[in-house]
């Protein structure tokens, strides 16, 4: 695709749409050329930081009319290069659209601008009786960034992924018009759900400007239980039994001693649990002590046949519980610090097939002599798998990581899984997409993309080629 290169005439016209010259950046620095991994780098020709819907509408329409690529950008916490301006053009940096627009407890909703960070959202709700339940580990990610990848997080097993918490979106399409997709109403059986089409589209169909979120009454009690096992496989095999026992935990996470050792070096702290090599972390929330006690009792009874050791039960506000969750949330950073280069895939498979993926990872480590630490969401089958370069040179690492990624995608496909559970496809995995899902399916997606974005200016090169 040939795109128009931004020239002085374009700059003069686009500048008129932005009231503050500090938000019109004609010489972007390295801040805008990478995401959390920084594996692929691509710098935009121009950065515009809008503060309202009108600015977005004008910029998007101008980009479309003049065939200039435009990439919506959040806080750059992604891992797959979805926010990279690989064709140059405009980076529409949404981080200054960060206001809470309304708080409506009577309808159990609140509306925020796209660039509000999750930690700022949590701070706003801290003294209120309602909470936004999704809990991705990257607290500094933006709300619309989570919407764009349909992020999951630590509480998806009970409360669902981001999609289940979005009532309404306001989006700008390439014609420059602002649309409302969805409503504050709980239910709809009223035609196509364009809101759900935009969720998870990684900025390829529309620019999200406002998000109406679903709120939950804040539970009164939250506890965690850490269950040690002799091995990680023992731990994983117990998860279907936990979920089949009739309880609905808030969280079911897994991690092994290998990644915990990396975190201890990274954080300079000791993990509170010394015994065991594989761990399941259960979280329960409730409105009474009796509720969580009954659920925990049921869950612990279900794991007795899987060599589970005695569980460590902690109040969620205890120092030990906070340290355990600090470890879990910093595992990515700990692994990243342990190696010169790192890549990641986050396949999602049926929960009873997590051991099959772990076994294949071990085989690939031995076969290809590459370190592949991993952890993830045991309750929904989403694994976070990291490929470490260690002593490999760049050419060797590129070849080996491509082999690992291809093999693990084959494994996930054979198990009726998906390429990504929450991080998205982005630019880094677009080349694998059609092989995984097939030509006819991918061609259908291309047709949808063509309806929303006939000039292919919105985040080109992402998800599929």
Protein backbone atom coordinates (compact mmCIF):
# COMPACT_ATOMS: atom_id res chain seq x y z
CA UNK A 1 0.00 0.00 0.00
CA UNK A 2 1.38 3.39 -1.01
CA UNK A 3 0.60 6.15 1.45
CA UNK A 4 0.87 9.90 1.16
CA UNK A 5 3.97 11.27 2.87
CA UNK A 6 3.21 14.12 5.25
CA UNK A 7 4.49 17.43 3.87
CA UNK A 8 4.46 21.03 5.05
CA UNK A 9 1.01 21.65 3.60
CA UNK A 10 -0.36 18.75 5.64
CA UNK A 11 1.33 20.04 8.79
CA UNK A 12 -0.14 23.50 8.30
CA UNK A 13 -3.65 22.12 7.84
CA UNK A 14 -3.46 19.55 10.64
CA UNK A 15 -2.05 22.10 13.07
CA UNK A 16 -5.30 24.07 12.82
CA UNK A 17 -7.19 21.16 14.41
CA UNK A 18 -5.09 21.22 17.61
CA UNK A 19 -5.45 24.19 19.95
CA UNK A 20 -2.20 23.65 21.88
CA UNK A 21 1.08 23.53 19.90
CA UNK A 22 2.68 21.37 22.62
CA UNK A 23 0.32 18.57 21.57
CA UNK A 24 1.45 18.74 17.93
CA UNK A 25 4.84 17.04 17.77
CA UNK A 26 6.56 17.24 14.39
CA UNK A 27 9.84 15.65 15.50
CA UNK A 28 8.88 12.58 17.55
CA UNK A 29 11.66 11.11 19.68
CA UNK A 30 12.24 7.49 20.69
CA UNK A 31 9.37 7.60 23.18
CA UNK A 32 6.98 6.92 20.30
CA UNK A 33 8.88 4.22 18.43
CA UNK A 34 8.29 1.13 20.59
CA UNK A 35 6.00 -0.72 22.98
CA UNK A 36 6.73 -2.53 26.27
CA UNK A 37 9.07 -5.03 24.58
CA UNK A 38 10.81 -2.71 22.13
CA UNK A 39 11.56 -5.69 19.89
CA UNK A 40 10.35 -3.86 16.79
CA UNK A 41 10.85 -0.11 16.44
CA UNK A 42 9.05 2.26 14.08
CA UNK A 43 8.75 6.00 14.50
CA UNK A 44 5.77 8.06 13.28
CA UNK A 45 6.25 11.19 11.19
CA UNK A 46 3.90 13.20 13.40
CA UNK A 47 2.40 12.81 16.89
CA UNK A 48 -0.90 14.46 17.73
CA UNK A 49 -2.28 14.34 21.28
CA UNK A 50 -6.00 15.16 21.15
CA UNK A 51 -8.01 16.19 24.20
CA UNK A 52 -11.57 15.95 22.86
CA UNK A 53 -13.73 14.16 20.31
CA UNK A 54 -13.73 17.07 17.87
CA UNK A 55 -9.96 17.05 17.49
CA UNK A 56 -9.99 13.31 16.85
CA UNK A 57 -12.75 13.66 14.26
CA UNK A 58 -10.88 16.34 12.30
CA UNK A 59 -7.55 14.50 12.34
CA UNK A 60 -9.01 11.11 11.37
CA UNK A 61 -11.00 12.57 8.47
CA UNK A 62 -7.98 14.47 7.18
CA UNK A 63 -5.83 11.34 7.37
CA UNK A 64 -8.43 9.31 5.49
CA UNK A 65 -9.06 11.96 2.82
CA UNK A 66 -5.32 12.24 2.19
CA UNK A 67 -4.34 8.57 2.53
CA UNK A 68 -2.10 9.11 5.56
CA UNK A 69 -1.69 6.11 7.90
CA UNK A 70 -2.95 6.79 11.43
CA UNK A 71 -2.24 4.66 14.50
CA UNK A 72 -4.18 5.13 17.79
CA UNK A 73 -1.83 4.86 20.75
CA UNK A 74 -2.42 4.40 24.47
CA UNK A 75 0.28 4.15 27.13
CA UNK A 76 2.42 1.77 25.09
CA UNK A 77 2.18 -1.22 27.45
CA UNK A 78 1.41 -3.63 24.60
CA UNK A 79 3.70 -6.51 23.69
CA UNK A 80 2.86 -7.21 20.04
CA UNK A 81 3.62 -3.89 18.35
CA UNK A 82 -0.03 -2.93 17.86
CA UNK A 83 0.75 0.72 18.53
CA UNK A 84 3.73 1.00 16.16
CA UNK A 85 3.58 3.34 13.18
CA UNK A 86 5.18 0.82 10.84
CA UNK A 87 4.16 2.87 7.78
CA UNK A 88 4.99 6.23 9.32
CA UNK A 89 2.19 8.79 9.26
CA UNK A 90 0.35 10.00 12.37
CA UNK A 91 0.52 8.55 15.86
CA UNK A 92 -2.72 9.61 17.55
CA UNK A 93 -1.51 9.57 21.14
CA UNK A 94 -4.65 9.42 23.32
CA UNK A 95 -2.94 9.75 26.68
CA UNK A 96 -4.18 13.32 27.30
CA UNK A 97 -7.81 12.25 26.83
CA UNK A 98 -7.80 11.01 30.42
CA UNK A 99 -10.86 12.43 32.18
CA UNK A 100 -13.67 10.72 34.07
CA UNK A 101 -16.71 12.10 32.26
CA UNK A 102 -19.46 10.73 34.49
CA UNK A 103 -20.00 8.46 37.48
CA UNK A 104 -23.50 6.97 37.52
CA UNK A 105 -23.91 4.49 40.37
CA UNK A 106 -27.66 4.23 39.83
CA UNK A 107 -27.04 2.55 36.47
CA UNK A 108 -23.85 0.84 37.71
CA UNK A 109 -21.79 2.60 35.04
CA UNK A 110 -19.19 5.27 34.60
CA UNK A 111 -17.91 6.91 31.43
CA UNK A 112 -14.26 7.81 30.85
CA UNK A 113 -12.11 9.11 28.05
CA UNK A 114 -10.02 6.61 26.14
CA UNK A 115 -6.64 7.56 27.61
CA UNK A 116 -7.49 7.17 31.31
CA UNK A 117 -5.03 4.78 32.94
CA UNK A 118 -6.27 1.82 34.96
CA UNK A 119 -4.44 2.92 38.11
CA UNK A 120 -6.11 6.35 37.86
CA UNK A 121 -9.47 4.66 37.36
CA UNK A 122 -8.87 2.53 40.47
CA UNK A 123 -7.85 5.62 42.44
CA UNK A 124 -11.05 7.41 41.42
CA UNK A 125 -13.17 4.48 42.63
CA UNK A 126 -11.15 3.79 45.78
CA UNK A 127 -13.54 5.53 48.18
CA UNK A 128 -16.70 4.45 46.36
CA UNK A 129 -18.87 1.35 46.90
CA UNK A 130 -18.36 0.15 43.33
CA UNK A 131 -15.37 -1.25 41.45
CA UNK A 132 -14.22 -1.90 37.89
CA UNK A 133 -13.40 -5.59 38.06
CA UNK A 134 -10.96 -6.40 35.23
CA UNK A 135 -7.43 -6.56 36.63
CA UNK A 136 -4.72 -6.72 33.95
CA UNK A 137 -1.23 -6.71 35.46
CA UNK A 138 -0.23 -3.51 33.62
CA UNK A 139 -1.97 -0.96 35.84
CA UNK A 140 -0.60 1.93 33.80
CA UNK A 141 -2.31 0.70 30.62
CA UNK A 142 -5.14 2.84 29.28
CA UNK A 143 -8.79 1.83 29.31
CA UNK A 144 -9.09 1.98 25.51
CA UNK A 145 -5.88 0.01 25.16
CA UNK A 146 -7.48 -2.76 27.20
CA UNK A 147 -10.63 -2.49 25.10
CA UNK A 148 -8.61 -2.71 21.90
CA UNK A 149 -7.03 -6.03 22.92
CA UNK A 150 -9.99 -7.29 24.97
CA UNK A 151 -7.57 -7.68 27.86
CA UNK A 152 -8.25 -10.39 30.40
CA UNK A 153 -6.37 -10.09 33.65
CA UNK A 154 -6.39 -11.80 37.00
CA UNK A 155 -10.15 -11.84 37.68
CA UNK A 156 -11.41 -13.11 34.33
CA UNK A 157 -12.38 -16.51 35.70
CA UNK A 158 -15.21 -15.01 37.80
CA UNK A 159 -15.96 -11.66 36.18
CA UNK A 160 -15.00 -12.22 32.56
CA UNK A 161 -12.64 -10.31 30.27
CA UNK A 162 -12.84 -6.64 29.30
CA UNK A 163 -15.64 -7.26 26.78
CA UNK A 164 -18.06 -8.18 29.58
CA UNK A 165 -17.47 -4.82 31.26
CA UNK A 166 -18.09 -2.46 28.35
CA UNK A 167 -21.59 -1.03 28.00
CA UNK A 168 -20.98 1.64 25.38
CA UNK A 169 -18.25 3.03 23.16
CA UNK A 170 -17.92 6.30 21.33
CA UNK A 171 -15.73 5.90 18.29
CA UNK A 172 -14.60 7.93 15.32
CA UNK A 173 -14.71 6.19 11.96
CA UNK A 174 -12.63 7.11 8.94
CA UNK A 175 -15.39 9.37 7.59
CA UNK A 176 -14.68 11.64 10.55
CA UNK A 177 -18.04 11.02 12.21
CA UNK A 178 -18.55 10.18 15.87
CA UNK A 179 -20.71 7.12 16.55
CA UNK A 180 -22.17 5.61 19.71
CA UNK A 181 -21.97 1.82 19.78
CA UNK A 182 -23.95 0.17 22.59
CA UNK A 183 -25.81 1.83 25.45
CA UNK A 184 -26.06 1.91 29.23
CA UNK A 185 -28.85 -0.65 29.03
CA UNK A 186 -27.84 -4.10 30.27
CA UNK A 187 -29.33 -6.11 27.42
CA UNK A 188 -29.67 -5.78 23.67
CA UNK A 189 -31.14 -8.00 21.00
CA UNK A 190 -31.19 -5.21 18.45
CA UNK A 191 -29.14 -6.09 15.41
CA UNK A 192 -25.39 -6.36 14.94
CA UNK A 193 -23.23 -5.50 17.94
CA UNK A 194 -20.72 -3.08 16.45
CA UNK A 195 -19.46 -2.36 19.96
CA UNK A 196 -18.30 -5.95 20.27
CA UNK A 197 -16.70 -5.80 16.84
CA UNK A 198 -14.55 -2.84 17.86
CA UNK A 199 -13.54 -4.52 21.14
CA UNK A 200 -10.42 -6.54 20.39
CA UNK A 201 -9.90 -4.93 16.96
CA UNK A 202 -6.59 -3.35 18.04
CA UNK A 203 -7.42 0.03 16.54
CA UNK A 204 -7.87 -1.31 13.00
CA UNK A 205 -11.57 -0.40 12.64
CA UNK A 206 -12.15 2.80 14.61
CA UNK A 207 -10.60 5.24 17.06
CA UNK A 208 -12.13 4.81 20.52
CA UNK A 209 -12.65 8.13 22.31
CA UNK A 210 -15.01 7.33 25.21
CA UNK A 211 -15.82 4.15 27.12
CA UNK A 212 -18.81 3.47 29.37
CA UNK A 213 -17.82 0.85 31.93
CA UNK A 214 -19.86 -1.60 33.93
CA UNK A 215 -19.38 -1.34 37.70
CA UNK A 216 -19.82 -3.99 40.38
CA UNK A 217 -20.64 -3.58 44.07
CA UNK A 218 -17.31 -3.87 45.87
CA UNK A 219 -17.02 -7.20 47.75
CA UNK A 220 -16.54 -6.88 51.51
CA UNK A 221 -14.14 -9.82 51.88
CA UNK A 222 -11.17 -10.91 49.75
CA UNK A 223 -8.80 -13.75 50.56
CA UNK A 224 -6.03 -15.59 48.76
CA UNK A 225 -4.92 -19.19 49.08
CA UNK A 226 -1.53 -20.33 47.81
CA UNK A 227 -1.42 -24.09 47.20
CA UNK A 228 2.07 -25.60 46.73
CA UNK A 229 2.58 -28.79 44.69
CA UNK A 230 5.64 -30.97 44.03
CA UNK A 231 5.64 -29.87 40.36
CA UNK A 232 3.96 -27.37 38.09
CA UNK A 233 2.24 -30.16 36.18
CA UNK A 234 0.71 -31.43 39.42
CA UNK A 235 -0.59 -27.95 40.08
CA UNK A 236 -2.09 -27.48 36.61
CA UNK A 237 -3.80 -30.88 36.62
CA UNK A 238 -5.75 -29.91 39.71
CA UNK A 239 -7.43 -26.88 38.12
CA UNK A 240 -10.31 -28.66 36.32
CA UNK A 241 -11.13 -30.36 39.62
CA UNK A 242 -11.29 -26.99 41.39
CA UNK A 243 -13.63 -25.53 38.79
CA UNK A 244 -15.76 -28.68 38.63
CA UNK A 245 -16.24 -28.64 42.40
CA UNK A 246 -18.89 -25.95 42.08
CA UNK A 247 -16.91 -22.95 43.35
CA UNK A 248 -16.25 -19.83 41.29
CA UNK A 249 -12.94 -18.32 42.38
CA UNK A 250 -12.11 -14.74 41.51
CA UNK A 251 -8.65 -15.84 40.43
CA UNK A 252 -6.89 -19.08 39.51
CA UNK A 253 -3.25 -18.40 38.60
CA UNK A 254 -0.30 -20.71 38.10
CA UNK A 255 3.44 -20.21 38.34
CA UNK A 256 6.46 -22.37 39.01
CA UNK A 257 9.56 -22.05 41.13
CA UNK A 258 11.68 -21.24 38.08
CA UNK A 259 9.97 -17.90 37.42
CA UNK A 260 9.71 -17.17 41.14
CA UNK A 261 13.51 -17.47 41.38
CA UNK A 262 13.81 -14.88 38.60
CA UNK A 263 11.46 -12.55 40.47
CA UNK A 264 13.44 -12.88 43.70
CA UNK A 265 16.57 -11.73 41.87
CA UNK A 266 14.67 -8.92 40.14
CA UNK A 267 12.90 -7.61 43.24
CA UNK A 268 15.56 -8.39 45.84
CA UNK A 269 12.87 -10.06 47.95
CA UNK A 270 11.97 -13.57 49.05
CA UNK A 271 8.76 -15.31 48.01
CA UNK A 272 6.76 -16.02 51.19
CA UNK A 273 6.22 -19.74 50.42
CA UNK A 274 9.35 -21.90 50.58
CA UNK A 275 8.00 -25.40 49.89
CA UNK A 276 6.77 -26.67 46.52
CA UNK A 277 7.85 -26.21 42.91
CA UNK A 278 4.46 -25.46 41.37
CA UNK A 279 1.80 -23.16 42.72
CA UNK A 280 -1.87 -22.42 42.23
CA UNK A 281 -2.99 -19.07 43.61
CA UNK A 282 -6.69 -18.93 44.36
CA UNK A 283 -8.56 -15.73 45.06
CA UNK A 284 -12.06 -15.54 46.51
CA UNK A 285 -14.20 -12.50 47.16
CA UNK A 286 -17.55 -12.40 48.90
CA UNK A 287 -19.83 -10.34 51.10
CA UNK A 288 -19.52 -12.55 54.17
CA UNK A 289 -16.82 -14.69 55.78
CA UNK A 290 -19.10 -17.71 55.54
CA UNK A 291 -19.22 -17.48 51.75
CA UNK A 292 -15.49 -17.54 51.10
CA UNK A 293 -14.86 -20.11 53.83
CA UNK A 294 -17.34 -22.52 52.23
CA UNK A 295 -15.87 -22.01 48.75
CA UNK A 296 -12.30 -22.42 49.94
CA UNK A 297 -13.17 -25.59 51.82
CA UNK A 298 -14.74 -27.04 48.67
CA UNK A 299 -11.75 -26.08 46.49
CA UNK A 300 -9.18 -27.55 48.88
CA UNK A 301 -11.11 -30.79 49.09
CA UNK A 302 -11.02 -31.01 45.30
CA UNK A 303 -7.20 -30.88 45.08
CA UNK A 304 -6.37 -33.57 47.65
CA UNK A 305 -5.87 -36.20 44.92
CA UNK A 306 -3.26 -34.06 43.11
CA UNK A 307 -0.45 -34.10 45.71
CA UNK A 308 -1.45 -30.68 46.92
CA UNK A 309 0.36 -29.56 50.05
CA UNK A 310 -1.23 -27.51 52.82
CA UNK A 311 -2.63 -24.23 51.53
CA UNK A 312 -1.47 -20.91 52.90
CA UNK A 313 -4.59 -18.76 53.40
CA UNK A 314 -4.04 -15.01 53.54
CA UNK A 315 -6.22 -11.95 53.88
CA UNK A 316 -5.92 -10.03 50.62
CA UNK A 317 -4.65 -6.96 52.50
CA UNK A 318 -1.92 -8.83 54.38
CA UNK A 319 1.73 -8.08 53.62
CA UNK A 320 2.32 -11.67 52.50
CA UNK A 321 -0.60 -11.59 50.06
CA UNK A 322 0.54 -8.26 48.66
CA UNK A 323 4.03 -9.67 48.12
CA UNK A 324 2.65 -12.74 46.32
CA UNK A 325 0.63 -10.54 43.97
CA UNK A 326 3.58 -8.22 43.53
CA UNK A 327 5.56 -11.25 42.41
CA UNK A 328 2.84 -12.37 40.01
CA UNK A 329 2.44 -8.91 38.49
CA UNK A 330 6.19 -8.36 38.08
CA UNK A 331 7.03 -11.72 36.52
CA UNK A 332 7.12 -10.26 33.01
CA UNK A 333 9.59 -7.56 34.09
CA UNK A 334 11.67 -10.11 36.00
CA UNK A 335 11.97 -12.38 32.98
CA UNK A 336 12.70 -9.42 30.72
CA UNK A 337 15.58 -8.33 32.95
CA UNK A 338 17.08 -11.83 32.92
CA UNK A 339 17.89 -11.83 29.20
CA UNK A 340 19.16 -9.43 26.51
CA UNK A 341 16.13 -9.98 24.26
CA UNK A 342 12.71 -11.45 24.88
CA UNK A 343 9.61 -12.27 22.90
CA UNK A 344 6.26 -13.62 24.01
CA UNK A 345 3.18 -15.50 22.94
CA UNK A 346 0.02 -15.89 24.98
CA UNK A 347 -1.85 -18.81 23.49
CA UNK A 348 -5.15 -19.78 25.06
CA UNK A 349 -6.31 -23.41 25.18
CA UNK A 350 -9.06 -25.37 26.95
CA UNK A 351 -8.04 -25.55 30.61
CA UNK A 352 -7.62 -29.33 30.60
CA UNK A 353 -4.98 -28.99 27.85
CA UNK A 354 -2.64 -26.59 29.65
CA UNK A 355 -0.36 -29.56 30.56
CA UNK A 356 -0.08 -30.42 26.84
CA UNK A 357 1.27 -26.95 26.12
CA UNK A 358 3.66 -27.10 29.09
CA UNK A 359 4.97 -30.47 27.90
CA UNK A 360 5.54 -29.09 24.41
CA UNK A 361 7.40 -26.11 25.88
CA UNK A 362 9.72 -28.47 27.75
CA UNK A 363 10.33 -30.46 24.56
CA UNK A 364 11.20 -27.30 22.62
CA UNK A 365 13.54 -26.10 25.36
CA UNK A 366 15.49 -29.36 25.12
CA UNK A 367 15.32 -29.61 21.34
CA UNK A 368 16.25 -26.02 20.47
CA UNK A 369 18.32 -25.11 23.54
CA UNK A 370 16.31 -22.02 24.40
CA UNK A 371 14.96 -20.93 27.77
CA UNK A 372 11.15 -20.56 27.75
CA UNK A 373 9.86 -19.45 31.17
CA UNK A 374 6.09 -19.23 31.53
CA UNK A 375 3.19 -18.59 33.87
CA UNK A 376 -0.44 -17.66 33.40
CA UNK A 377 -4.13 -17.87 34.04
CA UNK A 378 -4.91 -21.46 34.95
CA UNK A 379 -8.62 -20.76 35.28
CA UNK A 380 -9.10 -19.74 31.65
CA UNK A 381 -6.28 -21.57 29.86
CA UNK A 382 -4.27 -18.46 28.94
CA UNK A 383 -0.50 -19.05 29.10
CA UNK A 384 2.15 -16.32 29.01
CA UNK A 385 5.17 -17.88 27.36
CA UNK A 386 8.50 -16.05 27.04
CA UNK A 387 11.36 -16.73 24.65
CA UNK A 388 14.73 -15.63 26.03
CA UNK A 389 17.71 -14.94 23.77
CA UNK A 390 20.36 -15.38 26.50
CA UNK A 391 23.67 -16.19 24.73
CA UNK A 392 22.25 -16.41 21.19
CA UNK A 393 23.24 -13.89 18.53
CA UNK A 394 20.47 -11.98 16.79
CA UNK A 395 20.30 -14.27 13.75
CA UNK A 396 20.21 -17.44 15.82
CA UNK A 397 17.60 -15.99 18.17
CA UNK A 398 15.34 -14.85 15.32
CA UNK A 399 15.46 -18.29 13.72
CA UNK A 400 14.94 -20.18 16.97
CA UNK A 401 12.13 -17.97 18.26
CA UNK A 402 10.28 -18.26 14.94
CA UNK A 403 10.50 -22.04 15.24
CA UNK A 404 9.19 -21.98 18.82
CA UNK A 405 6.33 -19.63 17.96
CA UNK A 406 5.32 -21.73 14.95
CA UNK A 407 5.39 -24.96 16.94
CA UNK A 408 3.39 -23.57 19.86
CA UNK A 409 0.79 -22.15 17.48
CA UNK A 410 0.51 -25.61 15.92
CA UNK A 411 0.00 -27.04 19.39
CA UNK A 412 -2.64 -24.47 20.30
CA UNK A 413 -4.50 -24.98 17.03
CA UNK A 414 -4.52 -28.76 17.46
CA UNK A 415 -6.01 -28.29 20.94
CA UNK A 416 -8.80 -26.01 19.61
CA UNK A 417 -7.17 -22.96 21.14
CA UNK A 418 -6.45 -19.41 20.00
CA UNK A 419 -3.32 -17.49 19.08
CA UNK A 420 -3.79 -14.91 21.81
CA UNK A 421 -5.82 -14.81 25.00
CA UNK A 422 -5.34 -11.14 25.83
CA UNK A 423 -2.23 -9.48 24.37
CA UNK A 424 -3.51 -9.42 20.80
CA UNK A 425 -1.88 -10.13 17.45
CA UNK A 426 -0.56 -6.68 16.60
CA UNK A 427 2.27 -6.37 14.11
CA UNK A 428 4.56 -9.01 15.58
CA UNK A 429 2.21 -11.97 14.94
CA UNK A 430 0.29 -10.78 11.87
CA UNK A 431 2.36 -13.05 9.63
CA UNK A 432 1.14 -16.16 11.45
CA UNK A 433 -2.56 -15.28 11.47
CA UNK A 434 -3.81 -16.66 8.15
CA UNK A 435 -1.96 -19.93 8.61
CA UNK A 436 -3.63 -20.41 12.01
CA UNK A 437 -7.20 -19.43 11.10
CA UNK A 438 -7.29 -20.19 7.39
CA UNK A 439 -7.69 -18.14 4.23
CA UNK A 440 -11.50 -18.01 4.12
CA UNK A 441 -11.80 -16.80 7.70
CA UNK A 442 -9.06 -14.22 7.26
CA UNK A 443 -10.56 -13.02 3.99
CA UNK A 444 -13.86 -12.42 5.78
CA UNK A 445 -12.03 -10.25 8.29
CA UNK A 446 -10.42 -8.34 5.44
CA UNK A 447 -13.87 -7.60 4.05
CA UNK A 448 -15.01 -6.27 7.44
CA UNK A 449 -11.88 -4.14 7.61
CA UNK A 450 -12.66 -2.80 4.13
CA UNK A 451 -16.14 -1.67 5.17
CA UNK A 452 -14.86 0.30 8.15
CA UNK A 453 -11.59 1.46 6.63
CA UNK A 454 -11.75 1.41 2.82
CA UNK A 455 -8.45 3.27 2.42
CA UNK A 456 -6.62 1.07 4.96
CA UNK A 457 -5.32 4.03 6.92
CA UNK A 458 -6.25 2.83 10.44
CA UNK A 459 -3.37 0.94 12.06
CA UNK A 460 -2.29 -0.80 8.84
CA UNK A 461 -0.34 -4.03 8.94
CA UNK A 462 -1.83 -5.24 12.20
CA UNK A 463 -3.61 -8.54 13.03
CA UNK A 464 -3.36 -9.97 9.49
CA UNK A 465 -1.37 -9.06 6.41
